[in-house]
Protein backbone atom coordinates (compact mmCIF):
# COMPACT_ATOMS: atom_id res chain seq x y z
CA MET A 1 41.24 -6.50 -37.24
CA ALA A 2 40.74 -2.82 -38.00
CA ALA A 3 41.47 -0.42 -35.17
CA ASN A 4 38.81 1.96 -33.94
CA VAL A 5 39.47 5.43 -35.31
CA THR A 6 38.15 8.53 -33.58
CA THR A 7 37.78 11.62 -35.69
CA PRO A 8 39.67 14.55 -34.15
CA GLY A 9 37.27 17.03 -32.59
CA ALA A 10 34.31 14.62 -32.64
CA ILE A 11 32.04 14.63 -29.60
CA GLU A 12 31.73 11.18 -28.08
CA PRO A 13 28.17 10.40 -26.84
CA LYS A 14 27.82 9.86 -23.11
CA MET A 15 26.65 6.30 -22.69
CA TRP A 16 26.22 4.08 -19.67
CA MET A 17 29.29 1.86 -19.63
CA GLY A 18 28.05 -0.58 -17.01
CA GLY A 19 28.07 -0.62 -13.23
CA ILE A 20 25.49 -1.06 -10.52
CA GLU A 21 23.48 2.15 -10.99
CA PRO A 22 22.33 2.80 -14.56
CA MET A 23 20.72 6.23 -14.87
CA LYS A 24 21.38 6.77 -11.13
CA ALA A 25 18.90 4.05 -10.19
CA SER A 26 19.94 1.06 -8.12
CA TYR A 27 19.43 -2.43 -9.45
CA GLY A 28 16.50 -3.02 -7.08
CA LYS A 29 14.63 0.13 -8.08
CA LEU A 30 15.27 -0.54 -11.76
CA MET A 31 13.82 -4.05 -11.46
CA MET A 32 10.80 -2.66 -9.61
CA TRP A 33 10.20 -0.20 -12.46
CA PHE A 34 10.42 -3.07 -14.97
CA PHE A 35 7.85 -5.03 -12.98
CA LEU A 36 5.51 -2.05 -12.71
CA ILE A 37 5.72 -1.41 -16.44
CA SER A 38 4.82 -5.03 -17.19
CA ASP A 39 1.95 -4.86 -14.69
CA THR A 40 0.75 -1.67 -16.38
CA PHE A 41 0.28 -3.63 -19.60
CA THR A 42 -1.79 -6.23 -17.74
CA PHE A 43 -4.15 -3.70 -16.17
CA SER A 44 -4.35 -1.77 -19.44
CA ALA A 45 -5.41 -4.91 -21.30
CA LEU A 46 -8.10 -5.64 -18.69
CA LEU A 47 -9.49 -2.10 -18.80
CA VAL A 48 -9.46 -2.03 -22.61
CA ALA A 49 -11.36 -5.34 -22.60
CA TYR A 50 -13.85 -3.86 -20.15
CA GLY A 51 -14.29 -0.77 -22.30
CA THR A 52 -14.86 -2.92 -25.37
CA ALA A 53 -17.53 -4.95 -23.60
CA ARG A 54 -19.06 -1.83 -22.09
CA PHE A 55 -19.64 -0.14 -25.43
CA SER A 56 -20.81 -3.31 -27.13
CA PHE A 57 -24.00 -3.01 -25.06
CA PRO A 58 -26.53 -0.19 -25.50
CA ALA A 59 -26.84 2.40 -22.74
CA PHE A 60 -30.09 3.22 -20.95
CA SER A 61 -31.76 5.94 -23.02
CA GLY A 62 -34.25 7.30 -20.48
CA LYS A 63 -33.91 9.55 -17.47
CA ALA A 64 -31.82 8.37 -14.53
CA GLU A 65 -34.81 8.43 -12.18
CA ASP A 66 -36.66 6.05 -14.53
CA PHE A 67 -33.81 3.54 -14.68
CA THR A 68 -34.47 -0.11 -13.88
CA PHE A 69 -31.97 -2.95 -13.96
CA SER A 70 -31.99 -5.08 -17.09
CA ASN A 71 -29.57 -7.41 -18.85
CA MET A 72 -30.53 -5.77 -22.14
CA TYR A 73 -28.40 -2.67 -21.47
CA TRP A 74 -25.42 -1.60 -19.35
CA PRO A 75 -26.32 -0.36 -15.86
CA ILE A 76 -25.87 3.19 -14.57
CA PRO A 77 -23.08 3.17 -11.92
CA GLU A 78 -24.92 5.53 -9.58
CA LYS A 79 -27.75 2.98 -9.34
CA VAL A 80 -25.45 0.04 -8.67
CA TYR A 81 -23.07 1.54 -6.12
CA GLU A 82 -25.42 3.47 -3.86
CA ALA A 83 -25.32 1.48 -0.61
CA VAL A 84 -23.35 2.41 2.52
CA PRO A 85 -22.61 0.14 5.52
CA PHE A 86 -24.93 0.55 8.53
CA LEU A 87 -27.31 2.73 6.48
CA HIS A 88 -29.64 0.08 5.12
CA GLY A 89 -32.24 1.53 2.78
CA VAL A 90 -30.46 4.87 2.42
CA THR A 91 -29.48 5.79 -1.13
CA LEU A 92 -26.08 7.52 -1.37
CA PRO A 93 -24.70 7.07 -4.91
CA LEU A 94 -20.92 6.55 -5.08
CA VAL A 95 -20.39 7.86 -1.51
CA PHE A 96 -18.93 4.64 -0.15
CA VAL A 97 -16.55 4.08 -3.07
CA GLY A 98 -15.53 7.73 -2.75
CA ILE A 99 -14.57 7.05 0.87
CA MET A 100 -12.62 3.97 -0.24
CA THR A 101 -10.74 6.05 -2.80
CA PHE A 102 -9.91 8.74 -0.23
CA ILE A 103 -8.55 6.13 2.18
CA LEU A 104 -6.28 4.59 -0.47
CA ILE A 105 -4.96 7.96 -1.64
CA ALA A 106 -4.36 9.02 1.97
CA SER A 107 -2.29 5.85 2.48
CA SER A 108 -0.18 6.90 -0.49
CA VAL A 109 0.53 10.20 1.29
CA THR A 110 1.69 8.41 4.44
CA MET A 111 3.92 6.22 2.27
CA VAL A 112 5.54 9.36 0.83
CA LEU A 113 6.20 10.55 4.38
CA ALA A 114 7.71 7.15 5.27
CA VAL A 115 10.07 7.31 2.28
CA GLU A 116 11.08 10.86 3.18
CA ALA A 117 11.76 9.78 6.77
CA GLY A 118 13.86 6.92 5.44
CA HIS A 119 16.03 9.38 3.52
CA ARG A 120 16.65 11.14 6.86
CA MET A 121 17.35 7.79 8.57
CA ASP A 122 14.51 8.60 10.97
CA ARG A 123 13.54 5.16 12.20
CA GLU A 124 10.67 6.22 14.46
CA SER A 125 8.98 8.26 11.72
CA VAL A 126 9.34 5.41 9.23
CA GLU A 127 7.63 3.05 11.66
CA LYS A 128 4.85 5.57 12.38
CA TYR A 129 4.02 6.31 8.76
CA MET A 130 4.32 2.67 7.71
CA LEU A 131 1.76 1.78 10.39
CA TRP A 132 -0.64 4.39 9.00
CA THR A 133 -0.07 3.03 5.49
CA ILE A 134 -0.77 -0.53 6.64
CA LEU A 135 -3.92 0.63 8.43
CA GLY A 136 -5.08 2.40 5.27
CA GLY A 137 -4.47 -0.71 3.19
CA PHE A 138 -6.38 -2.99 5.54
CA THR A 139 -9.24 -0.49 5.76
CA PHE A 140 -9.50 -0.33 1.98
CA LEU A 141 -9.54 -4.13 1.75
CA GLY A 142 -12.24 -4.30 4.42
CA CYS A 143 -14.35 -1.79 2.49
CA GLN A 144 -13.85 -3.76 -0.70
CA ALA A 145 -14.88 -6.98 1.05
CA TRP A 146 -18.12 -5.32 2.20
CA GLU A 147 -18.77 -3.98 -1.30
CA TRP A 148 -18.26 -7.46 -2.79
CA SER A 149 -20.58 -8.97 -0.19
CA HIS A 150 -23.31 -6.43 -0.96
CA PHE A 151 -22.79 -6.87 -4.69
CA ILE A 152 -23.09 -10.66 -4.39
CA HIS A 153 -26.18 -10.67 -2.16
CA GLY A 154 -27.94 -7.84 -4.02
CA THR A 155 -30.95 -5.77 -3.01
CA ASP A 156 -33.92 -6.92 -0.97
CA THR A 157 -36.29 -7.03 -3.93
CA GLY A 158 -33.92 -8.30 -6.63
CA SER A 159 -34.47 -7.58 -10.31
CA VAL A 160 -36.57 -9.28 -12.97
CA MET A 161 -34.26 -10.42 -15.76
CA LYS A 162 -34.79 -12.22 -19.03
CA VAL A 163 -32.90 -15.51 -18.92
CA LEU A 164 -32.63 -18.29 -21.46
CA GLN A 165 -33.98 -21.61 -20.20
CA ASP A 166 -34.32 -24.62 -22.51
CA GLY A 167 -34.06 -22.32 -25.52
CA VAL A 168 -36.87 -20.05 -24.32
CA TRP A 169 -36.53 -16.53 -22.87
CA VAL A 170 -38.35 -16.32 -19.52
CA ASN A 171 -38.56 -13.71 -16.76
CA LYS A 172 -36.73 -14.59 -13.56
CA THR A 173 -36.14 -12.63 -10.37
CA VAL A 174 -32.39 -12.47 -9.75
CA PHE A 175 -30.83 -11.50 -6.44
CA GLY A 176 -27.26 -10.22 -6.43
CA ALA A 177 -24.54 -11.10 -8.88
CA ASN A 178 -22.21 -13.96 -9.66
CA LEU A 179 -20.34 -15.16 -12.73
CA THR A 180 -23.50 -16.45 -14.45
CA GLU A 181 -26.33 -14.19 -13.21
CA ASN A 182 -26.42 -10.50 -12.43
CA GLN A 183 -29.35 -8.51 -11.09
CA TYR A 184 -27.69 -5.23 -12.09
CA GLY A 185 -27.25 -5.87 -15.81
CA PRO A 186 -25.51 -8.16 -18.31
CA PRO A 187 -23.46 -11.00 -16.77
CA ALA A 188 -20.33 -9.50 -18.39
CA PHE A 189 -20.68 -6.49 -16.09
CA ALA A 190 -20.35 -8.66 -12.98
CA ASP A 191 -17.59 -10.78 -14.54
CA PHE A 192 -15.39 -7.76 -15.19
CA PHE A 193 -16.23 -6.24 -11.80
CA PHE A 194 -15.14 -9.33 -9.90
CA PHE A 195 -12.03 -9.96 -12.00
CA ILE A 196 -10.61 -6.44 -12.25
CA THR A 197 -11.43 -5.22 -8.73
CA GLY A 198 -10.35 -8.61 -7.37
CA PHE A 199 -7.08 -8.44 -9.30
CA HIS A 200 -6.46 -4.95 -7.95
CA GLY A 201 -7.44 -6.06 -4.45
CA THR A 202 -4.85 -8.85 -4.68
CA HIS A 203 -2.24 -6.21 -5.46
CA VAL A 204 -3.34 -4.14 -2.46
CA PHE A 205 -3.14 -7.21 -0.20
CA SER A 206 0.35 -8.01 -1.53
CA GLY A 207 1.36 -4.41 -0.88
CA VAL A 208 0.08 -4.58 2.70
CA ILE A 209 2.13 -7.74 3.32
CA LEU A 210 5.23 -6.00 1.94
CA ASN A 211 4.51 -2.96 4.10
CA ILE A 212 4.27 -5.17 7.19
CA LEU A 213 7.64 -6.70 6.31
CA ILE A 214 9.17 -3.24 5.91
CA PHE A 215 7.72 -2.14 9.25
CA PHE A 216 9.08 -5.24 11.00
CA ARG A 217 12.56 -4.81 9.57
CA SER A 218 12.55 -1.13 10.44
CA ALA A 219 11.39 -1.83 14.01
CA THR A 220 14.16 -4.41 14.51
CA GLY A 221 16.83 -1.98 13.27
CA PHE A 222 17.63 -3.95 10.13
CA TYR A 223 17.85 -0.87 7.90
CA ASP A 224 19.88 1.07 10.45
CA LYS A 225 22.46 -1.71 10.41
CA ARG A 226 22.43 -1.71 6.60
CA GLY A 227 22.79 2.06 6.56
CA SER A 228 20.00 2.59 4.03
CA TYR A 229 16.20 2.69 3.93
CA GLU A 230 16.06 2.25 0.16
CA MET A 231 13.78 -0.77 0.50
CA VAL A 232 11.08 1.56 1.83
CA GLU A 233 11.33 3.52 -1.41
CA LYS A 234 11.14 0.37 -3.55
CA VAL A 235 7.97 -0.83 -1.83
CA GLY A 236 6.70 2.74 -1.97
CA LEU A 237 6.91 2.64 -5.77
CA TYR A 238 4.70 -0.45 -5.77
CA TRP A 239 2.21 1.13 -3.36
CA HIS A 240 1.91 4.31 -5.44
CA PHE A 241 1.37 2.18 -8.53
CA VAL A 242 -1.49 0.32 -6.82
CA ASP A 243 -3.07 3.65 -5.86
CA LEU A 244 -2.68 5.03 -9.38
CA VAL A 245 -4.26 1.95 -10.92
CA TRP A 246 -7.25 2.35 -8.62
CA VAL A 247 -7.84 5.83 -10.06
CA PHE A 248 -8.33 4.25 -13.50
CA VAL A 249 -10.44 1.37 -12.12
CA PHE A 250 -12.58 3.92 -10.26
CA THR A 251 -13.01 5.97 -13.43
CA PHE A 252 -13.96 3.02 -15.64
CA PHE A 253 -16.32 1.23 -13.24
CA TYR A 254 -17.85 3.98 -11.17
CA LEU A 255 -17.86 7.08 -13.36
CA VAL A 256 -18.19 5.96 -17.00
């Protein structure tokens, strides 16, 4: 077997030769990054599919004030998402979803503060900011549940849609939306809304459960005994990812 020969004066590249912290990242954080990257591909595929379906339908060509719901063209977001809880009959386009977005981003800020407190081994601050993060997550999920409920039940008057019955197109008044009928536009619009926002909501719910676990372990002194609050940072990566994904979901569904 030939021996390895090193040329005198040659600069040997610095390579990771093994160990528990490649690129100064622990095994746990590295695995979390791998998971988040794979999840990024999933959400990207869903949003690309939504964009493809969105632009396969014509857009409403008239003025916004003349818009009426129809399954012949894609709806205008401001006309779909204009309701606010406890203000029945009041039209406030995108106000409620804007509040939802603010709540989720604010919870990301409190998570940052919890991670920073963990670096200082400040148990009380970790517990405080984790509680605020959990509260923000539950509030967002509650808002999303109300939005789904309103979306499913629809408006008081419904919308007249052309539906195919026994091979003949007939007019039918449709109330709300489900996976087969949609008073706001083409059925594909409701299908993507339920699947993508529901998929994201599942991630938020999973994140809240993880946050509760972190809070419990912090309150019982588990991380003090371990001598590290790194788990707070790992879950924080997941929570920030969920918040970032919502920015793209918000852009695609509510702004485009």
